[in-house]
Protein backbone atom coordinates (compact mmCIF):
# COMPACT_ATOMS: atom_id res chain seq x y z
CA MET A 1 100.77 105.16 162.20
CA LYS A 2 103.28 103.64 164.46
CA GLU A 3 104.82 104.60 167.34
CA PHE A 4 108.29 104.37 168.78
CA ILE A 5 108.74 104.69 172.72
CA LEU A 6 111.61 106.71 173.85
CA GLU A 7 112.91 104.21 177.01
CA ASP A 8 115.92 105.38 179.09
CA ARG A 9 116.78 108.29 176.84
CA GLU A 10 115.97 111.60 175.34
CA PHE A 11 116.11 111.41 172.38
CA ILE A 12 116.97 109.82 169.01
CA GLU A 13 119.24 110.23 166.00
CA LEU A 14 116.99 110.53 163.00
CA TYR A 15 118.77 107.58 160.65
CA LYS A 16 118.52 104.72 163.45
CA ILE A 17 114.85 105.37 164.19
CA LEU A 18 114.26 104.53 160.27
CA LYS A 19 116.58 101.38 160.76
CA ILE A 20 113.86 100.14 164.14
CA ALA A 21 111.04 100.66 161.94
CA GLY A 22 112.71 98.61 159.02
CA TRP A 23 112.49 101.62 156.70
CA ALA A 24 116.33 101.57 155.51
CA SER A 25 118.44 97.61 155.56
CA SER A 26 121.45 99.61 157.31
CA GLY A 27 122.22 102.51 158.64
CA GLY A 28 124.05 103.50 154.64
CA GLU A 29 120.67 103.39 153.64
CA ALA A 30 119.26 105.85 156.30
CA LYS A 31 121.28 108.05 155.86
CA ALA A 32 121.26 108.55 151.57
CA VAL A 33 117.23 108.55 152.03
CA ILE A 34 117.59 111.34 154.05
CA ALA A 35 120.10 113.29 152.09
CA GLU A 36 117.68 112.22 149.45
CA GLY A 37 115.15 114.59 151.10
CA GLN A 38 112.84 112.02 151.38
CA VAL A 39 112.26 112.10 154.84
CA LEU A 40 109.78 113.87 156.62
CA VAL A 41 110.48 115.55 159.91
CA ASN A 42 106.76 117.13 161.93
CA GLY A 43 106.09 117.79 157.98
CA VAL A 44 109.37 119.01 157.11
CA THR A 45 111.74 117.94 154.52
CA GLU A 46 115.21 116.43 157.46
CA THR A 47 118.31 115.78 155.39
CA GLN A 48 120.48 116.17 158.59
CA LYS A 49 121.10 112.67 159.06
CA ARG A 50 122.15 112.39 162.88
CA LYS A 51 118.69 115.30 164.00
CA LYS A 52 117.37 115.04 167.23
CA ILE A 53 114.14 113.00 167.23
CA ILE A 54 112.16 113.78 170.72
CA ALA A 55 108.74 112.67 172.50
CA GLY A 56 106.24 114.61 169.97
CA ASP A 57 108.03 114.36 167.77
CA SER A 58 106.63 112.15 164.48
CA VAL A 59 108.74 110.93 161.20
CA ALA A 60 107.90 110.03 157.57
CA PHE A 61 109.26 108.15 154.90
CA LYS A 62 107.02 106.87 151.86
CA ASN A 63 103.33 107.20 153.06
CA GLU A 64 104.23 105.60 156.29
CA ILE A 65 103.89 107.49 159.34
CA ILE A 66 106.20 107.11 163.32
CA SER A 67 104.66 108.83 166.20
CA VAL A 68 107.56 109.01 168.71
CA HIS A 69 106.52 108.69 172.36
CA ALA A 70 108.55 109.23 175.78
CA LYS A 71 107.81 106.58 178.00
């Protein structure tokens, strides 16, 4: 499981975390896999590309998970 630290912000948009994690090579690719229902947030399929991911959330894609924490 990877960790993502929210530094100096309260949230990050879902598609951006996919790019940062290297799960998508571009914002367009990230938005496409989200729209296709391939991404889970807290164990539930999420299709909102700009969903606000906050501390305590987990994001899963292709059997990989990122745990989001506050600094």
